[in-house]
Amino acid sequence: MIPLSVLDLAPIVEGGDAAQSFRNSRDLAQHAERWGYRRFWLAEHHSMPGIASAATAVLIAYVAEGTSTIRVGAGGIMLPNHAPLVIAEQFGTLESLFPGRIDLGVGRAPGSDPVTARALRRNLDSSVDQFPRDVVELLAYFREQQPGQLVRAVPGAGLDVPVWILGSSLFGAQLAAALGLPFAFASHFAPAQLMQAIAIYRQAFQPSDHLAQPHVMAGFNVFAADSETEAQLIATSMQQAFVNLRSGRPGRLQPPVRDYLSRLSPGEAAMLEQVMACTAIGSPASVRQAIEGFIVRTGVDELIIASQIFDHRSRLRSYEITASLAEAQ
């Protein structure tokens, strides 16, 4: 089994609040550390009622402070929302506080709707088309200060903060390959171009000071439980979230619903089948088979596991089962 990592969207569940979400995230990270997960990543989203990780760097600090060995990072920071210098300073600060444990994944999506993106950026001259230039600028801030360099990240300059390119299309694969950076593909919700993106990244990869050979991490949903019936039930919270989001009704993560799939229209069912193509739902044996098949099919170097589960104890159990499958290899 290849290394496993955790992608946490800091879900705000129906009946809960952001403070509870943060406590659960840190508790999950503490368990993940004991279970042998390599990384614990949090994602930047804005104006989303069910996701609490908008101030991503702040939450990373809270999680890192509560753990001791697991790498903690962003999966990712939506760079068009920010000046690269600000992100270099934030993650330079995190690396100074928690040396050797901070990752910085960056993406070019807004992490929000267009109206929210406008509120975030203020200056609309910033756009996704500047993403490659912004990444290059960000990388420069982490290098040792150069002669004549007028602007520097303090802290940040000279610190080893691994930068990853995140993507759900071929663009991210091409950029990661050109810059010689590790690449993480969002196949846990946008799997359509996964295989093509991996092939492009590996074929075009240029070794760099950051990375000698290509490294691919793929997102994968897991809903594991001690029985098939329980696993199918806990997965319905995420299924509801996808349907509500695609229907323009984003909200808090809802409790599981029995026989939820039978209530969907053919269009909704087809949408779920497509977006959740990289997903394992079931007992330990079923999950093992699905994960091993995905690894063989894709040849990825690492998996980052997303488990949007309503009940925190059930979410812990799902990650525990998944970790035990890796230990059994």
C-alpha atoms as a PDB file:
ATOM      1  CA  MET A   1       0.000   0.000   0.000  1.00  0.00           C
ATOM      2  CA  ILE A   2       1.264   3.435  -0.908  1.00  0.00           C
ATOM      3  CA  PRO A   3       1.267   6.281   1.672  1.00  0.00           C
ATOM      4  CA  LEU A   4      -2.141   7.559   2.724  1.00  0.00           C
ATOM      5  CA  SER A   5      -3.033  11.109   3.698  1.00  0.00           C
ATOM      6  CA  VAL A   6      -6.161  12.900   4.942  1.00  0.00           C
ATOM      7  CA  LEU A   7      -8.134  15.651   3.201  1.00  0.00           C
ATOM      8  CA  ASP A   8     -10.439  17.363   5.689  1.00  0.00           C
ATOM      9  CA  LEU A   9     -12.999  19.927   4.559  1.00  0.00           C
ATOM     10  CA  ALA A  10     -13.766  20.836   8.204  1.00  0.00           C
ATOM     11  CA  PRO A  11     -17.463  20.040   7.730  1.00  0.00           C
ATOM     12  CA  ILE A  12     -20.071  22.026   9.613  1.00  0.00           C
ATOM     13  CA  VAL A  13     -22.832  19.498  10.249  1.00  0.00           C
ATOM     14  CA  GLU A  14     -26.524  20.227  10.618  1.00  0.00           C
ATOM     15  CA  GLY A  15     -27.061  21.177  14.249  1.00  0.00           C
ATOM     16  CA  GLY A  16     -23.360  21.966  14.745  1.00  0.00           C
ATOM     17  CA  ASP A  17     -21.162  25.016  14.342  1.00  0.00           C
ATOM     18  CA  ALA A  18     -17.676  26.026  13.217  1.00  0.00           C
ATOM     19  CA  ALA A  19     -16.173  25.679  16.708  1.00  0.00           C
ATOM     20  CA  GLN A  20     -17.274  22.044  16.847  1.00  0.00           C
ATOM     21  CA  SER A  21     -15.919  21.512  13.350  1.00  0.00           C
ATOM     22  CA  PHE A  22     -12.488  22.801  14.391  1.00  0.00           C
ATOM     23  CA  ARG A  23     -12.374  20.540  17.461  1.00  0.00           C
ATOM     24  CA  ASN A  24     -13.323  17.564  15.314  1.00  0.00           C
ATOM     25  CA  SER A  25     -10.652  18.404  12.737  1.00  0.00           C
ATOM     26  CA  ARG A  26      -7.934  18.510  15.358  1.00  0.00           C
ATOM     27  CA  ASP A  27      -9.196  15.304  16.952  1.00  0.00           C
ATOM     28  CA  LEU A  28      -9.191  13.596  13.549  1.00  0.00           C
ATOM     29  CA  ALA A  29      -5.628  14.799  12.917  1.00  0.00           C
ATOM     30  CA  GLN A  30      -4.488  13.428  16.268  1.00  0.00           C
ATOM     31  CA  HIS A  31      -6.000  10.044  15.457  1.00  0.00           C
ATOM     32  CA  ALA A  32      -4.611  10.123  11.901  1.00  0.00           C
ATOM     33  CA  GLU A  33      -1.145  10.756  13.297  1.00  0.00           C
ATOM     34  CA  ARG A  34      -1.397   7.656  15.512  1.00  0.00           C
ATOM     35  CA  TRP A  35      -2.755   5.601  12.627  1.00  0.00           C
ATOM     36  CA  GLY A  36       0.186   6.439  10.365  1.00  0.00           C
ATOM     37  CA  TYR A  37      -1.264   8.889   7.853  1.00  0.00           C
ATOM     38  CA  ARG A  38       1.437  11.003   6.204  1.00  0.00           C
ATOM     39  CA  ARG A  39      -0.349  14.355   5.753  1.00  0.00           C
ATOM     40  CA  PHE A  40      -3.414  16.183   7.004  1.00  0.00           C
ATOM     41  CA  TRP A  41      -4.593  18.801   4.510  1.00  0.00           C
ATOM     42  CA  LEU A  42      -7.298  21.441   4.796  1.00  0.00           C
ATOM     43  CA  ALA A  43      -8.937  23.236   1.874  1.00  0.00           C
ATOM     44  CA  GLU A  44      -9.813  26.888   1.284  1.00  0.00           C
ATOM     45  CA  HIS A  45     -13.489  27.502   0.566  1.00  0.00           C
ATOM     46  CA  HIS A  46     -15.505  30.678   1.085  1.00  0.00           C
ATOM     47  CA  SER A  47     -19.169  31.461   1.712  1.00  0.00           C
ATOM     48  CA  MET A  48     -19.927  27.729   1.986  1.00  0.00           C
ATOM     49  CA  PRO A  49     -22.330  27.006   4.881  1.00  0.00           C
ATOM     50  CA  GLY A  50     -20.974  23.483   5.357  1.00  0.00           C
ATOM     51  CA  ILE A  51     -17.211  24.135   5.214  1.00  0.00           C
ATOM     52  CA  ALA A  52     -15.374  25.895   8.058  1.00  0.00           C
ATOM     53  CA  SER A  53     -11.816  26.101   6.669  1.00  0.00           C
ATOM     54  CA  ALA A  54     -11.998  29.536   4.992  1.00  0.00           C
ATOM     55  CA  ALA A  55      -9.111  30.919   7.104  1.00  0.00           C
ATOM     56  CA  THR A  56      -7.002  27.953   6.080  1.00  0.00           C
ATOM     57  CA  ALA A  57      -3.626  29.020   7.487  1.00  0.00           C
ATOM     58  CA  VAL A  58      -5.178  29.793  10.874  1.00  0.00           C
ATOM     59  CA  LEU A  59      -6.800  26.363  11.056  1.00  0.00           C
ATOM     60  CA  ILE A  60      -3.567  24.683   9.953  1.00  0.00           C
ATOM     61  CA  ALA A  61      -1.822  26.311  12.936  1.00  0.00           C
ATOM     62  CA  TYR A  62      -4.522  25.015  15.302  1.00  0.00           C
ATOM     63  CA  VAL A  63      -4.220  21.469  13.951  1.00  0.00           C
ATOM     64  CA  ALA A  64      -0.425  21.498  13.836  1.00  0.00           C
ATOM     65  CA  GLU A  65      -0.268  22.745  17.430  1.00  0.00           C
ATOM     66  CA  GLY A  66      -2.338  19.739  18.509  1.00  0.00           C
ATOM     67  CA  THR A  67      -0.152  17.184  16.720  1.00  0.00           C
ATOM     68  CA  SER A  68       3.563  16.422  16.672  1.00  0.00           C
ATOM     69  CA  THR A  69       4.681  14.393  13.640  1.00  0.00           C
ATOM     70  CA  ILE A  70       2.056  14.380  10.877  1.00  0.00           C
ATOM     71  CA  ARG A  71       2.573  16.915   8.093  1.00  0.00           C
ATOM     72  CA  VAL A  72      -0.160  19.560   8.069  1.00  0.00           C
ATOM     73  CA  GLY A  73      -0.927  21.718   5.094  1.00  0.00           C
ATOM     74  CA  ALA A  74      -3.250  23.269   2.574  1.00  0.00           C
ATOM     75  CA  GLY A  75      -5.016  21.246  -0.035  1.00  0.00           C
ATOM     76  CA  GLY A  76      -5.196  23.931  -1.023  1.00  0.00           C
ATOM     77  CA  ILE A  77      -4.811  27.649  -0.990  1.00  0.00           C
ATOM     78  CA  MET A  78      -6.646  29.240  -3.924  1.00  0.00           C
ATOM     79  CA  LEU A  79      -3.819  31.495  -5.054  1.00  0.00           C
ATOM     80  CA  PRO A  80      -5.834  33.907  -7.252  1.00  0.00           C
ATOM     81  CA  ASN A  81      -7.541  35.064  -4.040  1.00  0.00           C
ATOM     82  CA  HIS A  82      -4.270  36.233  -2.486  1.00  0.00           C
ATOM     83  CA  ALA A  83      -1.059  38.117  -3.084  1.00  0.00           C
ATOM     84  CA  PRO A  84       1.753  35.521  -3.294  1.00  0.00           C
ATOM     85  CA  LEU A  85       3.758  37.496  -0.723  1.00  0.00           C
ATOM     86  CA  VAL A  86       0.985  37.155   1.858  1.00  0.00           C
ATOM     87  CA  ILE A  87       0.841  33.383   1.364  1.00  0.00           C
ATOM     88  CA  ALA A  88       4.646  33.115   1.583  1.00  0.00           C
ATOM     89  CA  GLU A  89       4.564  35.031   4.870  1.00  0.00           C
ATOM     90  CA  GLN A  90       1.715  32.923   6.264  1.00  0.00           C
ATOM     91  CA  PHE A  91       3.341  29.620   5.411  1.00  0.00           C
ATOM     92  CA  GLY A  92       6.774  30.890   6.353  1.00  0.00           C
ATOM     93  CA  THR A  93       5.266  31.636   9.755  1.00  0.00           C
ATOM     94  CA  LEU A  94       3.738  28.159   9.944  1.00  0.00           C
ATOM     95  CA  GLU A  95       7.027  26.514   8.940  1.00  0.00           C
ATOM     96  CA  SER A  96       8.867  28.561  11.576  1.00  0.00           C
ATOM     97  CA  LEU A  97       6.391  27.420  14.233  1.00  0.00           C
ATOM     98  CA  PHE A  98       6.240  23.781  13.106  1.00  0.00           C
ATOM     99  CA  PRO A  99       9.506  23.096  11.250  1.00  0.00           C
ATOM    100  CA  GLY A 100       9.537  20.224   8.779  1.00  0.00           C
ATOM    101  CA  ARG A 101       5.793  19.652   8.976  1.00  0.00           C
ATOM    102  CA  ILE A 102       4.110  22.201   6.679  1.00  0.00           C
ATOM    103  CA  ASP A 103       2.874  21.623   3.099  1.00  0.00           C
ATOM    104  CA  LEU A 104       1.492  24.251   0.737  1.00  0.00           C
ATOM    105  CA  GLY A 105      -0.796  23.083  -2.041  1.00  0.00           C
ATOM    106  CA  VAL A 106      -2.022  25.819  -4.373  1.00  0.00           C
ATOM    107  CA  GLY A 107      -4.824  25.879  -6.907  1.00  0.00           C
ATOM    108  CA  ARG A 108      -6.266  28.349  -9.393  1.00  0.00           C
ATOM    109  CA  ALA A 109      -9.984  27.855  -8.683  1.00  0.00           C
ATOM    110  CA  PRO A 110     -11.714  30.551  -6.630  1.00  0.00           C
ATOM    111  CA  GLY A 111     -12.990  28.166  -3.961  1.00  0.00           C
ATOM    112  CA  SER A 112     -16.254  30.086  -4.129  1.00  0.00           C
ATOM    113  CA  ASP A 113     -18.871  31.556  -6.422  1.00  0.00           C
ATOM    114  CA  PRO A 114     -18.122  34.604  -8.641  1.00  0.00           C
ATOM    115  CA  VAL A 115     -19.819  37.065  -6.272  1.00  0.00           C
ATOM    116  CA  THR A 116     -17.774  35.814  -3.322  1.00  0.00           C
ATOM    117  CA  ALA A 117     -14.614  35.885  -5.424  1.00  0.00           C
ATOM    118  CA  ARG A 118     -15.281  39.550  -6.168  1.00  0.00           C
ATOM    119  CA  ALA A 119     -15.695  40.264  -2.441  1.00  0.00           C
ATOM    120  CA  LEU A 120     -12.445  38.424  -1.681  1.00  0.00           C
ATOM    121  CA  ARG A 121     -10.249  40.020  -4.298  1.00  0.00           C
ATOM    122  CA  ARG A 122     -11.531  43.595  -4.463  1.00  0.00           C
ATOM    123  CA  ASN A 123      -9.087  44.250  -7.289  1.00  0.00           C
ATOM    124  CA  LEU A 124     -10.487  42.270 -10.206  1.00  0.00           C
ATOM    125  CA  ASP A 125      -7.250  42.577 -12.159  1.00  0.00           C
ATOM    126  CA  SER A 126      -6.346  39.344 -10.373  1.00  0.00           C
ATOM    127  CA  SER A 127      -7.461  36.326 -12.389  1.00  0.00           C
ATOM    128  CA  VAL A 128      -6.811  32.636 -12.850  1.00  0.00           C
ATOM    129  CA  ASP A 129      -4.795  33.462 -15.978  1.00  0.00           C
ATOM    130  CA  GLN A 130      -2.074  34.868 -13.737  1.00  0.00           C
ATOM    131  CA  PHE A 131      -1.802  31.616 -11.794  1.00  0.00           C
ATOM    132  CA  PRO A 132       1.496  30.373 -13.341  1.00  0.00           C
ATOM    133  CA  ARG A 133       3.133  33.743 -12.745  1.00  0.00           C
ATOM    134  CA  ASP A 134       1.821  33.836  -9.185  1.00  0.00           C
ATOM    135  CA  VAL A 135       3.230  30.360  -8.482  1.00  0.00           C
ATOM    136  CA  VAL A 136       6.654  31.386  -9.782  1.00  0.00           C
ATOM    137  CA  GLU A 137       6.548  34.511  -7.615  1.00  0.00           C
ATOM    138  CA  LEU A 138       5.539  32.427  -4.590  1.00  0.00           C
ATOM    139  CA  LEU A 139       8.417  29.987  -5.118  1.00  0.00           C
ATOM    140  CA  ALA A 140      10.842  32.897  -5.349  1.00  0.00           C
ATOM    141  CA  TYR A 141       9.831  34.167  -1.917  1.00  0.00           C
ATOM    142  CA  PHE A 142      10.877  30.848  -0.356  1.00  0.00           C
ATOM    143  CA  ARG A 143      14.382  31.028  -1.853  1.00  0.00           C
ATOM    144  CA  GLU A 144      17.271  32.691  -0.080  1.00  0.00           C
ATOM    145  CA  GLN A 145      17.226  36.423  -0.661  1.00  0.00           C
ATOM    146  CA  GLN A 146      18.931  37.343  -3.932  1.00  0.00           C
ATOM    147  CA  PRO A 147      21.186  40.380  -4.543  1.00  0.00           C
ATOM    148  CA  GLY A 148      19.041  43.356  -5.441  1.00  0.00           C
ATOM    149  CA  GLN A 149      15.821  41.709  -4.264  1.00  0.00           C
ATOM    150  CA  LEU A 150      13.689  44.503  -2.832  1.00  0.00           C
ATOM    151  CA  VAL A 151      10.769  42.484  -1.476  1.00  0.00           C
ATOM    152  CA  ARG A 152      11.240  39.429   0.715  1.00  0.00           C
ATOM    153  CA  ALA A 153       9.023  37.177   2.813  1.00  0.00           C
ATOM    154  CA  VAL A 154       9.856  37.471   6.512  1.00  0.00           C
ATOM    155  CA  PRO A 155       9.490  34.757   7.644  1.00  0.00           C
ATOM    156  CA  GLY A 156       9.615  32.653   4.505  1.00  0.00           C
ATOM    157  CA  ALA A 157      12.878  33.339   2.692  1.00  0.00           C
ATOM    158  CA  GLY A 158      15.197  30.349   2.859  1.00  0.00           C
ATOM    159  CA  LEU A 159      12.616  28.025   4.415  1.00  0.00           C
ATOM    160  CA  ASP A 160      11.787  24.596   3.032  1.00  0.00           C
ATOM    161  CA  VAL A 161       8.040  24.753   2.401  1.00  0.00           C
ATOM    162  CA  PRO A 162       7.078  22.139  -0.207  1.00  0.00           C
ATOM    163  CA  VAL A 163       4.742  23.645  -2.802  1.00  0.00           C
ATOM    164  CA  TRP A 164       2.281  21.369  -4.604  1.00  0.00           C
ATOM    165  CA  ILE A 165       0.156  22.158  -7.645  1.00  0.00           C
ATOM    166  CA  LEU A 166      -3.463  21.121  -7.210  1.00  0.00           C
ATOM    167  CA  GLY A 167      -5.742  20.607 -10.150  1.00  0.00           C
ATOM    168  CA  SER A 168      -8.847  18.991 -11.580  1.00  0.00           C
ATOM    169  CA  SER A 169      -7.892  19.467 -15.241  1.00  0.00           C
ATOM    170  CA  LEU A 170      -4.935  19.143 -17.575  1.00  0.00           C
ATOM    171  CA  PHE A 171      -3.740  22.692 -16.888  1.00  0.00           C
ATOM    172  CA  GLY A 172      -2.459  21.869 -13.407  1.00  0.00           C
ATOM    173  CA  ALA A 173      -0.665  18.780 -14.686  1.00  0.00           C
ATOM    174  CA  GLN A 174       1.157  20.809 -17.336  1.00  0.00           C
ATOM    175  CA  LEU A 175       2.171  23.525 -14.884  1.00  0.00           C
ATOM    176  CA  ALA A 176       3.375  21.083 -12.219  1.00  0.00           C
ATOM    177  CA  ALA A 177       5.427  19.244 -14.829  1.00  0.00           C
ATOM    178  CA  ALA A 178       6.991  22.428 -16.218  1.00  0.00           C
ATOM    179  CA  LEU A 179       7.976  23.691 -12.757  1.00  0.00           C
ATOM    180  CA  GLY A 180       9.113  20.308 -11.431  1.00  0.00           C
ATOM    181  CA  LEU A 181       6.616  20.295  -8.555  1.00  0.00           C
ATOM    182  CA  PRO A 182       4.519  17.523  -6.983  1.00  0.00           C
ATOM    183  CA  PHE A 183       0.994  17.275  -8.358  1.00  0.00           C
ATOM    184  CA  ALA A 184      -2.267  16.490  -6.536  1.00  0.00           C
ATOM    185  CA  PHE A 185      -5.374  15.748  -8.613  1.00  0.00           C
ATOM    186  CA  ALA A 186      -8.871  16.390  -7.248  1.00  0.00           C
ATOM    187  CA  SER A 187     -10.277  13.071  -8.398  1.00  0.00           C
ATOM    188  CA  HIS A 188     -12.423  12.835  -5.257  1.00  0.00           C
ATOM    189  CA  PHE A 189     -14.904  15.216  -6.916  1.00  0.00           C
ATOM    190  CA  ALA A 190     -13.669  15.763 -10.512  1.00  0.00           C
ATOM    191  CA  PRO A 191     -12.337  12.424 -11.765  1.00  0.00           C
ATOM    192  CA  ALA A 192     -12.996  12.810 -15.498  1.00  0.00           C
ATOM    193  CA  GLN A 193      -9.479  13.805 -16.612  1.00  0.00           C
ATOM    194  CA  LEU A 194      -7.478  11.948 -13.961  1.00  0.00           C
ATOM    195  CA  MET A 195      -5.736   9.417 -16.204  1.00  0.00           C
ATOM    196  CA  GLN A 196      -4.934  11.937 -18.927  1.00  0.00           C
ATOM    197  CA  ALA A 197      -3.586  14.422 -16.367  1.00  0.00           C
ATOM    198  CA  ILE A 198      -1.314  11.804 -14.791  1.00  0.00           C
ATOM    199  CA  ALA A 199       0.048  10.815 -18.203  1.00  0.00           C
ATOM    200  CA  ILE A 200       0.731  14.422 -19.217  1.00  0.00           C
ATOM    201  CA  TYR A 201       2.404  15.221 -15.900  1.00  0.00           C
ATOM    202  CA  ARG A 202       4.717  12.226 -15.993  1.00  0.00           C
ATOM    203  CA  GLN A 203       5.623  12.600 -19.653  1.00  0.00           C
ATOM    204  CA  ALA A 204       6.359  16.330 -19.441  1.00  0.00           C
ATOM    205  CA  PHE A 205       7.966  16.433 -15.974  1.00  0.00           C
ATOM    206  CA  GLN A 206      11.127  18.516 -15.709  1.00  0.00           C
ATOM    207  CA  PRO A 207      13.359  17.708 -12.715  1.00  0.00           C
ATOM    208  CA  SER A 208      13.966  20.716 -10.500  1.00  0.00           C
ATOM    209  CA  ASP A 209      15.543  21.776  -7.231  1.00  0.00           C
ATOM    210  CA  HIS A 210      12.182  20.975  -5.669  1.00  0.00           C
ATOM    211  CA  LEU A 211      11.704  17.448  -7.004  1.00  0.00           C
ATOM    212  CA  ALA A 212      13.898  14.974  -8.893  1.00  0.00           C
ATOM    213  CA  GLN A 213      11.113  12.806 -10.295  1.00  0.00           C
ATOM    214  CA  PRO A 214       7.343  13.119 -10.689  1.00  0.00           C
ATOM    215  CA  HIS A 215       5.124  12.551  -7.663  1.00  0.00           C
ATOM    216  CA  VAL A 216       1.354  12.221  -8.032  1.00  0.00           C
ATOM    217  CA  MET A 217      -1.206  12.231  -5.253  1.00  0.00           C
ATOM    218  CA  ALA A 218      -4.867  11.569  -6.065  1.00  0.00           C
ATOM    219  CA  GLY A 219      -7.979  12.343  -4.069  1.00  0.00           C
ATOM    220  CA  PHE A 220     -10.133   9.347  -3.175  1.00  0.00           C
ATOM    221  CA  ASN A 221     -13.372   9.165  -1.166  1.00  0.00           C
ATOM    222  CA  VAL A 222     -13.694   6.415   1.433  1.00  0.00           C
ATOM    223  CA  PHE A 223     -16.778   5.530   3.447  1.00  0.00           C
ATOM    224  CA  ALA A 224     -15.716   2.492   5.430  1.00  0.00           C
ATOM    225  CA  ALA A 225     -17.681   0.800   8.194  1.00  0.00           C
ATOM    226  CA  ASP A 226     -17.921  -2.585   9.832  1.00  0.00           C
ATOM    227  CA  SER A 227     -20.807  -3.549   7.553  1.00  0.00           C
ATOM    228  CA  GLU A 228     -21.822  -2.810   3.995  1.00  0.00           C
ATOM    229  CA  THR A 229     -25.173  -1.464   5.163  1.00  0.00           C
ATOM    230  CA  GLU A 230     -23.611   1.028   7.579  1.00  0.00           C
ATOM    231  CA  ALA A 231     -21.102   2.187   4.969  1.00  0.00           C
ATOM    232  CA  GLN A 232     -23.832   2.809   2.407  1.00  0.00           C
ATOM    233  CA  LEU A 233     -25.761   4.799   5.009  1.00  0.00           C
ATOM    234  CA  ILE A 234     -22.925   7.095   6.124  1.00  0.00           C
ATOM    235  CA  ALA A 235     -22.055   7.846   2.485  1.00  0.00           C
ATOM    236  CA  THR A 236     -25.444   9.485   1.947  1.00  0.00           C
ATOM    237  CA  SER A 237     -24.379  12.675   3.739  1.00  0.00           C
ATOM    238  CA  MET A 238     -21.764  13.325   1.055  1.00  0.00           C
ATOM    239  CA  GLN A 239     -24.187  12.276  -1.666  1.00  0.00           C
ATOM    240  CA  GLN A 240     -26.704  14.825  -0.381  1.00  0.00           C
ATOM    241  CA  ALA A 241     -23.982  17.485  -0.288  1.00  0.00           C
ATOM    242  CA  PHE A 242     -23.085  16.890  -3.949  1.00  0.00           C
ATOM    243  CA  VAL A 243     -26.704  16.956  -5.079  1.00  0.00           C
ATOM    244  CA  ASN A 244     -27.474  20.098  -3.077  1.00  0.00           C
ATOM    245  CA  LEU A 245     -24.350  21.874  -4.319  1.00  0.00           C
ATOM    246  CA  ARG A 246     -25.023  21.045  -7.963  1.00  0.00           C
ATOM    247  CA  SER A 247     -28.628  22.182  -7.481  1.00  0.00           C
ATOM    248  CA  GLY A 248     -27.519  25.568  -6.142  1.00  0.00           C
ATOM    249  CA  ARG A 249     -28.493  24.751  -2.555  1.00  0.00           C
ATOM    250  CA  PRO A 250     -25.223  24.427  -0.612  1.00  0.00           C
ATOM    251  CA  GLY A 251     -25.778  23.893   3.083  1.00  0.00           C
ATOM    252  CA  ARG A 252     -24.481  22.171   6.172  1.00  0.00           C
ATOM    253  CA  LEU A 253     -23.578  18.491   6.019  1.00  0.00           C
ATOM    254  CA  GLN A 254     -26.823  16.593   6.519  1.00  0.00           C
ATOM    255  CA  PRO A 255     -27.527  13.469   8.599  1.00  0.00           C
ATOM    256  CA  PRO A 256     -27.558  10.164   6.698  1.00  0.00           C
ATOM    257  CA  VAL A 257     -30.777   9.161   4.960  1.00  0.00           C
ATOM    258  CA  ARG A 258     -31.770   5.544   4.397  1.00  0.00           C
ATOM    259  CA  ASP A 259     -32.485   4.593   0.778  1.00  0.00           C
ATOM    260  CA  TYR A 260     -31.385   8.045  -0.365  1.00  0.00           C
ATOM    261  CA  LEU A 261     -30.290   6.920  -3.824  1.00  0.00           C
ATOM    262  CA  SER A 262     -33.741   5.536  -4.585  1.00  0.00           C
ATOM    263  CA  ARG A 263     -35.195   9.039  -4.168  1.00  0.00           C
ATOM    264  CA  LEU A 264     -33.014  10.672  -6.809  1.00  0.00           C
ATOM    265  CA  SER A 265     -33.980  11.597 -10.330  1.00  0.00           C
ATOM    266  CA  PRO A 266     -32.113   9.806 -13.144  1.00  0.00           C
ATOM    267  CA  GLY A 267     -30.126  12.985 -13.778  1.00  0.00           C
ATOM    268  CA  GLU A 268     -29.084  13.316 -10.139  1.00  0.00           C
ATOM    269  CA  ALA A 269     -28.114   9.654  -9.962  1.00  0.00           C
ATOM    270  CA  ALA A 270     -26.001   9.966 -13.123  1.00  0.00           C
ATOM    271  CA  MET A 271     -24.280  13.062 -11.739  1.00  0.00           C
ATOM    272  CA  LEU A 272     -23.393  11.261  -8.503  1.00  0.00           C
ATOM    273  CA  GLU A 273     -22.069   8.267 -10.405  1.00  0.00           C
ATOM    274  CA  GLN A 274     -19.765  10.556 -12.368  1.00  0.00           C
ATOM    275  CA  VAL A 275     -18.436  12.770  -9.560  1.00  0.00           C
ATOM    276  CA  MET A 276     -17.993   9.870  -7.125  1.00  0.00           C
ATOM    277  CA  ALA A 277     -16.248   7.544  -9.567  1.00  0.00           C
ATOM    278  CA  CYS A 278     -13.150   7.523  -7.329  1.00  0.00           C
ATOM    279  CA  THR A 279     -14.889   6.288  -4.214  1.00  0.00           C
ATOM    280  CA  ALA A 280     -14.913   3.224  -1.976  1.00  0.00           C
ATOM    281  CA  ILE A 281     -18.041   2.469   0.052  1.00  0.00           C
ATOM    282  CA  GLY A 282     -18.301  -0.670   2.118  1.00  0.00           C
ATOM    283  CA  SER A 283     -16.859  -3.059   4.668  1.00  0.00           C
ATOM    284  CA  PRO A 284     -13.080  -3.414   5.108  1.00  0.00           C
ATOM    285  CA  ALA A 285     -12.865  -6.094   2.422  1.00  0.00           C
ATOM    286  CA  SER A 286     -14.779  -4.018  -0.120  1.00  0.00           C
ATOM    287  CA  VAL A 287     -12.764  -0.899   0.621  1.00  0.00           C
ATOM    288  CA  ARG A 288      -9.478  -2.783   0.318  1.00  0.00           C
ATOM    289  CA  GLN A 289     -10.465  -4.116  -3.089  1.00  0.00           C
ATOM    290  CA  ALA A 290     -11.531  -0.678  -4.340  1.00  0.00           C
ATOM    291  CA  ILE A 291      -8.371   1.079  -3.114  1.00  0.00           C
ATOM    292  CA  GLU A 292      -6.011  -1.575  -4.449  1.00  0.00           C
ATOM    293  CA  GLY A 293      -7.764  -1.508  -7.807  1.00  0.00           C
ATOM    294  CA  PHE A 294      -7.486   2.279  -7.993  1.00  0.00           C
ATOM    295  CA  ILE A 295      -3.757   2.177  -7.178  1.00  0.00           C
ATOM    296  CA  VAL A 296      -3.078  -0.474  -9.810  1.00  0.00           C
ATOM    297  CA  ARG A 297      -5.145   1.376 -12.414  1.00  0.00           C
ATOM    298  CA  THR A 298      -3.580   4.804 -11.847  1.00  0.00           C
ATOM    299  CA  GLY A 299      -0.093   4.067 -10.524  1.00  0.00           C
ATOM    300  CA  VAL A 300      -0.331   7.079  -8.186  1.00  0.00           C
ATOM    301  CA  ASP A 301       2.370   7.589  -5.577  1.00  0.00           C
ATOM    302  CA  GLU A 302       0.069   8.610  -2.742  1.00  0.00           C
ATOM    303  CA  LEU A 303      -3.635   8.748  -1.922  1.00  0.00           C
ATOM    304  CA  ILE A 304      -5.332  11.550  -0.015  1.00  0.00           C
ATOM    305  CA  ILE A 305      -8.533  10.289   1.540  1.00  0.00           C
ATOM    306  CA  ALA A 306     -11.682  12.405   1.846  1.00  0.00           C
ATOM    307  CA  SER A 307     -14.448  11.128   4.133  1.00  0.00           C
ATOM    308  CA  GLN A 308     -17.268  13.641   4.521  1.00  0.00           C
ATOM    309  CA  ILE A 309     -19.224  11.786   7.205  1.00  0.00           C
ATOM    310  CA  PHE A 310     -21.866  13.367   9.442  1.00  0.00           C
ATOM    311  CA  ASP A 311     -21.112  11.573  12.708  1.00  0.00           C
ATOM    312  CA  HIS A 312     -17.601  12.249  13.980  1.00  0.00           C
ATOM    313  CA  ARG A 313     -17.223   8.787  15.523  1.00  0.00           C
ATOM    314  CA  SER A 314     -18.206   7.180  12.245  1.00  0.00           C
ATOM    315  CA  ARG A 315     -15.704   9.389  10.419  1.00  0.00           C
ATOM    316  CA  LEU A 316     -12.949   8.313  12.809  1.00  0.00           C
ATOM    317  CA  ARG A 317     -13.902   4.665  12.316  1.00  0.00           C
ATOM    318  CA  SER A 318     -13.777   5.045   8.525  1.00  0.00           C
ATOM    319  CA  TYR A 319     -10.253   6.477   8.656  1.00  0.00           C
ATOM    320  CA  GLU A 320      -9.198   3.840  11.187  1.00  0.00           C
ATOM    321  CA  ILE A 321     -10.383   1.024   8.924  1.00  0.00           C
ATOM    322  CA  THR A 322      -8.611   2.575   5.943  1.00  0.00           C
ATOM    323  CA  ALA A 323      -5.351   2.892   7.888  1.00  0.00           C
ATOM    324  CA  SER A 324      -5.586  -0.715   9.055  1.00  0.00           C
ATOM    325  CA  LEU A 325      -5.732  -1.865   5.428  1.00  0.00           C
ATOM    326  CA  ALA A 326      -2.378  -0.188   4.784  1.00  0.00           C
ATOM    327  CA  GLU A 327      -0.849  -1.738   7.906  1.00  0.00           C
ATOM    328  CA  ALA A 328      -2.007  -5.192   6.825  1.00  0.00           C
ATOM    329  CA  GLN A 329       0.030  -5.094   3.626  1.00  0.00           C
END
